Amino acid sequence: MTSLGRVIDISAGGFRVAARRKPWVAVGAAYECTVHSPLGSFTVPTRVMRVERKGIGRYDIGLAIEDASPVVRETLNLIARSLCRPYSPYR
């Protein structure tokens, strides 16, 4: 989760967020995005790359990571890797 909505795609370069209402951020704007995860909440400096309406009350927001610290980048990489693992009830 982020302060804009739910993360639906994440990589080392940025992430895509699904929002349930029109975002208050504009394309091209710098945005300090707060990410909430099992590893804790932290702020990521991003730039809004796109905002697309996907239906009534649904928006996709593309955020590019800008100048994040190595700790923040590593945390995002850990989150991305954990999301890619197949589910197994025997772990």
Foldseek 3Di string as FASTA:
>chain_A
DKPAADWPAADLFWTKHKHQAQDPDDAQDWDFIWDQDPVGIDTFTWGWHDWADDDHRIIMTIITTDPDDPVVSVVRVVVNVVVPDDDDPPD
